[in-house]
Amino acid sequence: MKVIAVHDAVGEILSLVVSPEEGPDFGVESHAGEFARTVEIPGLSLDMPDPEIYRRLEEVTKTFRVDVADQPELAPSAQLVAKGGPSGS
């Protein structure tokens, strides 16, 4: 599964876009001050019922942020870290 997180400069997730791993390549248009990075979300599968997928995505946006230690233009993928973690806000 491919997941793109659109986030702000401090890693706050603004939206998540999910596609099958074997699906066509896709991109996300970000606006000024937004960045798009590929992330992995454990425990998420497109085989899950839709309501369960939506709950998991909502949970991720509430409890994680994107690790912005690397510059987005240098690292197209990133790790999710718990909000309020050692390097987070």
N, C-alpha and C. Protein backbone atom coordinates (compact mmCIF):
# COMPACT_ATOMS: atom_id res chain seq x y z
N MET A 1 0.84 -1.16 0.00
CA MET A 1 0.00 0.00 0.00
C MET A 1 0.89 1.23 0.00
N LYS A 2 0.50 2.23 -0.79
CA LYS A 2 1.22 3.50 -0.84
C LYS A 2 0.42 4.52 -0.03
N VAL A 3 1.12 5.25 0.82
CA VAL A 3 0.48 6.30 1.60
C VAL A 3 1.31 7.57 1.47
N ILE A 4 0.66 8.64 1.08
CA ILE A 4 1.32 9.95 1.03
C ILE A 4 0.69 10.82 2.11
N ALA A 5 1.55 11.41 2.93
CA ALA A 5 1.10 12.34 3.96
C ALA A 5 1.41 13.76 3.49
N VAL A 6 0.41 14.61 3.48
CA VAL A 6 0.61 16.03 3.23
C VAL A 6 0.73 16.67 4.62
N HIS A 7 1.80 17.42 4.85
CA HIS A 7 2.06 17.97 6.18
C HIS A 7 2.61 19.37 6.09
N ASP A 8 2.61 20.05 7.24
CA ASP A 8 3.17 21.40 7.29
C ASP A 8 4.64 21.33 7.68
N ALA A 9 5.26 22.49 7.91
CA ALA A 9 6.70 22.56 8.17
C ALA A 9 7.13 21.86 9.45
N VAL A 10 6.22 21.70 10.42
CA VAL A 10 6.58 21.03 11.67
C VAL A 10 6.13 19.57 11.70
N GLY A 11 5.57 19.08 10.58
CA GLY A 11 5.20 17.67 10.48
C GLY A 11 3.76 17.36 10.79
N GLU A 12 2.94 18.37 11.11
CA GLU A 12 1.52 18.14 11.40
C GLU A 12 0.83 17.61 10.13
N ILE A 13 0.21 16.46 10.24
CA ILE A 13 -0.43 15.83 9.07
C ILE A 13 -1.72 16.57 8.74
N LEU A 14 -1.80 17.03 7.50
CA LEU A 14 -2.98 17.74 7.02
C LEU A 14 -3.93 16.81 6.29
N SER A 15 -3.37 15.82 5.58
CA SER A 15 -4.20 14.82 4.89
C SER A 15 -3.33 13.60 4.56
N LEU A 16 -4.03 12.47 4.36
CA LEU A 16 -3.38 11.22 3.97
C LEU A 16 -4.08 10.71 2.72
N VAL A 17 -3.28 10.22 1.77
CA VAL A 17 -3.81 9.65 0.53
C VAL A 17 -3.30 8.22 0.43
N VAL A 18 -4.21 7.27 0.19
CA VAL A 18 -3.87 5.85 0.17
C VAL A 18 -4.20 5.26 -1.19
N SER A 19 -3.31 4.38 -1.67
CA SER A 19 -3.51 3.70 -2.95
C SER A 19 -2.93 2.29 -2.85
N PRO A 20 -3.46 1.34 -3.63
CA PRO A 20 -2.87 0.00 -3.64
C PRO A 20 -1.42 0.06 -4.11
N GLU A 21 -0.59 -0.81 -3.54
CA GLU A 21 0.83 -0.86 -3.91
C GLU A 21 1.02 -1.05 -5.41
N GLU A 22 0.19 -1.90 -6.00
CA GLU A 22 0.30 -2.20 -7.43
C GLU A 22 -0.46 -1.19 -8.29
N GLY A 23 -1.08 -0.21 -7.65
CA GLY A 23 -1.86 0.78 -8.38
C GLY A 23 -0.97 1.71 -9.19
N PRO A 24 -1.59 2.54 -9.99
CA PRO A 24 -0.80 3.48 -10.81
C PRO A 24 -0.10 4.50 -9.93
N ASP A 25 1.01 5.03 -10.45
CA ASP A 25 1.70 6.10 -9.74
C ASP A 25 0.76 7.28 -9.59
N PHE A 26 0.87 7.97 -8.50
CA PHE A 26 0.03 9.13 -8.27
C PHE A 26 0.81 10.16 -7.48
N GLY A 27 0.32 11.34 -7.47
CA GLY A 27 0.95 12.41 -6.71
C GLY A 27 -0.12 13.22 -6.01
N VAL A 28 0.33 14.10 -5.19
CA VAL A 28 -0.56 14.97 -4.44
C VAL A 28 -0.06 16.39 -4.63
N GLU A 29 -0.97 17.28 -4.96
CA GLU A 29 -0.60 18.68 -5.10
C GLU A 29 -0.62 19.33 -3.72
N SER A 30 0.50 19.88 -3.34
CA SER A 30 0.56 20.57 -2.06
C SER A 30 0.56 22.07 -2.32
N HIS A 31 0.13 22.81 -1.34
CA HIS A 31 0.06 24.27 -1.44
C HIS A 31 1.28 24.88 -0.74
N ALA A 32 1.41 26.18 -0.81
CA ALA A 32 2.53 26.86 -0.17
C ALA A 32 2.59 26.48 1.31
N GLY A 33 3.79 26.11 1.77
CA GLY A 33 3.97 25.74 3.16
C GLY A 33 3.60 24.30 3.48
N GLU A 34 3.20 23.54 2.46
CA GLU A 34 2.85 22.13 2.64
C GLU A 34 3.85 21.26 1.91
N PHE A 35 4.02 20.05 2.41
CA PHE A 35 4.95 19.09 1.83
C PHE A 35 4.26 17.75 1.71
N ALA A 36 4.64 16.95 0.73
CA ALA A 36 4.07 15.61 0.54
C ALA A 36 5.20 14.59 0.67
N ARG A 37 5.02 13.63 1.57
CA ARG A 37 6.04 12.61 1.80
C ARG A 37 5.37 11.24 1.87
N THR A 38 6.04 10.24 1.37
CA THR A 38 5.58 8.86 1.47
C THR A 38 5.85 8.37 2.89
N VAL A 39 4.84 7.73 3.50
CA VAL A 39 5.00 7.19 4.85
C VAL A 39 4.45 5.77 4.90
N GLU A 40 4.82 5.04 5.93
CA GLU A 40 4.26 3.71 6.17
C GLU A 40 3.37 3.77 7.39
N ILE A 41 2.21 3.12 7.29
CA ILE A 41 1.29 3.07 8.42
C ILE A 41 1.07 1.61 8.78
N PRO A 42 1.67 1.16 9.88
CA PRO A 42 1.48 -0.23 10.30
C PRO A 42 0.01 -0.49 10.63
N GLY A 43 -0.42 -1.70 10.37
CA GLY A 43 -1.79 -2.09 10.71
C GLY A 43 -2.84 -1.54 9.79
N LEU A 44 -2.46 -1.11 8.60
CA LEU A 44 -3.43 -0.58 7.63
C LEU A 44 -3.39 -1.44 6.38
N SER A 45 -4.55 -1.88 5.93
CA SER A 45 -4.64 -2.73 4.74
C SER A 45 -5.89 -2.34 3.96
N LEU A 46 -5.78 -2.35 2.65
CA LEU A 46 -6.94 -2.05 1.82
C LEU A 46 -7.96 -3.19 1.86
N ASP A 47 -7.60 -4.32 2.48
CA ASP A 47 -8.54 -5.43 2.66
C ASP A 47 -9.48 -5.17 3.84
N MET A 48 -9.18 -4.18 4.64
CA MET A 48 -10.02 -3.85 5.80
C MET A 48 -11.33 -3.20 5.31
N PRO A 49 -12.40 -3.31 6.09
CA PRO A 49 -13.62 -2.59 5.72
C PRO A 49 -13.36 -1.08 5.71
N ASP A 50 -14.01 -0.36 4.81
CA ASP A 50 -13.79 1.08 4.69
C ASP A 50 -13.88 1.83 6.01
N PRO A 51 -14.91 1.59 6.84
CA PRO A 51 -14.98 2.35 8.10
C PRO A 51 -13.74 2.13 8.99
N GLU A 52 -13.19 0.92 8.96
CA GLU A 52 -12.00 0.62 9.76
C GLU A 52 -10.78 1.36 9.20
N ILE A 53 -10.67 1.43 7.88
CA ILE A 53 -9.58 2.19 7.25
C ILE A 53 -9.67 3.65 7.67
N TYR A 54 -10.87 4.23 7.59
CA TYR A 54 -11.04 5.64 7.94
C TYR A 54 -10.70 5.89 9.41
N ARG A 55 -11.10 4.97 10.28
CA ARG A 55 -10.77 5.12 11.71
C ARG A 55 -9.26 5.09 11.93
N ARG A 56 -8.58 4.17 11.25
CA ARG A 56 -7.13 4.06 11.41
C ARG A 56 -6.44 5.32 10.89
N LEU A 57 -6.87 5.84 9.75
CA LEU A 57 -6.27 7.06 9.21
C LEU A 57 -6.51 8.24 10.14
N GLU A 58 -7.71 8.33 10.70
CA GLU A 58 -8.02 9.41 11.65
C GLU A 58 -7.14 9.29 12.89
N GLU A 59 -6.97 8.06 13.38
CA GLU A 59 -6.12 7.82 14.54
C GLU A 59 -4.68 8.27 14.28
N VAL A 60 -4.18 7.97 13.08
CA VAL A 60 -2.81 8.35 12.72
C VAL A 60 -2.68 9.87 12.71
N THR A 61 -3.64 10.58 12.11
CA THR A 61 -3.53 12.04 12.06
C THR A 61 -3.61 12.68 13.45
N LYS A 62 -4.29 12.02 14.38
CA LYS A 62 -4.41 12.56 15.74
C LYS A 62 -3.21 12.25 16.62
N THR A 63 -2.52 11.13 16.36
CA THR A 63 -1.47 10.70 17.28
C THR A 63 -0.06 10.75 16.73
N PHE A 64 0.08 10.98 15.44
CA PHE A 64 1.42 11.02 14.84
C PHE A 64 1.62 12.30 14.05
N ARG A 65 2.87 12.58 13.78
CA ARG A 65 3.26 13.64 12.87
C ARG A 65 4.36 13.07 11.98
N VAL A 66 4.70 13.78 10.92
CA VAL A 66 5.78 13.35 10.04
C VAL A 66 7.09 13.86 10.62
N ASP A 67 8.08 12.99 10.68
CA ASP A 67 9.41 13.38 11.16
C ASP A 67 10.04 14.27 10.09
N VAL A 68 10.25 15.52 10.41
CA VAL A 68 10.78 16.47 9.44
C VAL A 68 12.26 16.78 9.66
N ALA A 69 12.98 15.83 10.25
CA ALA A 69 14.42 16.02 10.49
C ALA A 69 15.18 16.19 9.18
N ASP A 70 14.75 15.50 8.12
CA ASP A 70 15.37 15.63 6.80
C ASP A 70 14.55 16.59 5.96
N GLN A 71 15.21 17.33 5.11
CA GLN A 71 14.51 18.24 4.22
C GLN A 71 13.65 17.45 3.23
N PRO A 72 12.38 17.81 3.04
CA PRO A 72 11.49 17.05 2.15
C PRO A 72 12.03 16.86 0.74
N GLU A 73 12.71 17.87 0.20
CA GLU A 73 13.20 17.73 -1.17
C GLU A 73 14.35 16.73 -1.26
N LEU A 74 14.99 16.43 -0.13
CA LEU A 74 16.09 15.47 -0.11
C LEU A 74 15.63 14.07 0.26
N ALA A 75 14.47 13.95 0.90
CA ALA A 75 13.98 12.67 1.38
C ALA A 75 12.50 12.54 1.04
N PRO A 76 12.16 11.89 -0.09
CA PRO A 76 10.75 11.78 -0.47
C PRO A 76 9.93 10.91 0.48
N SER A 77 10.59 10.09 1.30
CA SER A 77 9.85 9.30 2.28
C SER A 77 10.26 9.75 3.68
N ALA A 78 9.40 9.47 4.65
CA ALA A 78 9.66 9.90 6.02
C ALA A 78 9.03 8.92 7.00
N GLN A 79 9.45 9.01 8.24
CA GLN A 79 8.90 8.19 9.31
C GLN A 79 7.81 8.98 10.04
N LEU A 80 6.83 8.24 10.57
CA LEU A 80 5.86 8.84 11.47
C LEU A 80 6.40 8.73 12.88
N VAL A 81 6.22 9.77 13.67
CA VAL A 81 6.64 9.75 15.07
C VAL A 81 5.47 10.23 15.92
N ALA A 82 5.43 9.79 17.15
CA ALA A 82 4.35 10.19 18.05
C ALA A 82 4.41 11.69 18.28
N LYS A 83 3.24 12.32 18.32
CA LYS A 83 3.18 13.74 18.64
C LYS A 83 3.69 13.94 20.05
N GLY A 84 4.45 15.01 20.27
CA GLY A 84 5.00 15.27 21.58
C GLY A 84 6.23 14.45 21.88
N GLY A 85 6.75 13.73 20.85
CA GLY A 85 7.94 12.90 21.05
C GLY A 85 9.18 13.75 21.24
N PRO A 86 10.35 13.10 21.38
CA PRO A 86 11.59 13.80 21.70
C PRO A 86 11.94 14.94 20.75
N SER A 87 11.65 14.76 19.44
CA SER A 87 11.99 15.82 18.50
C SER A 87 10.75 16.51 17.97
N GLY A 88 9.60 16.24 18.59
CA GLY A 88 8.35 16.81 18.08
C GLY A 88 7.77 17.84 18.98
N SER A 89 6.68 18.43 18.46
CA SER A 89 5.98 19.45 19.23
C SER A 89 4.75 18.85 19.87
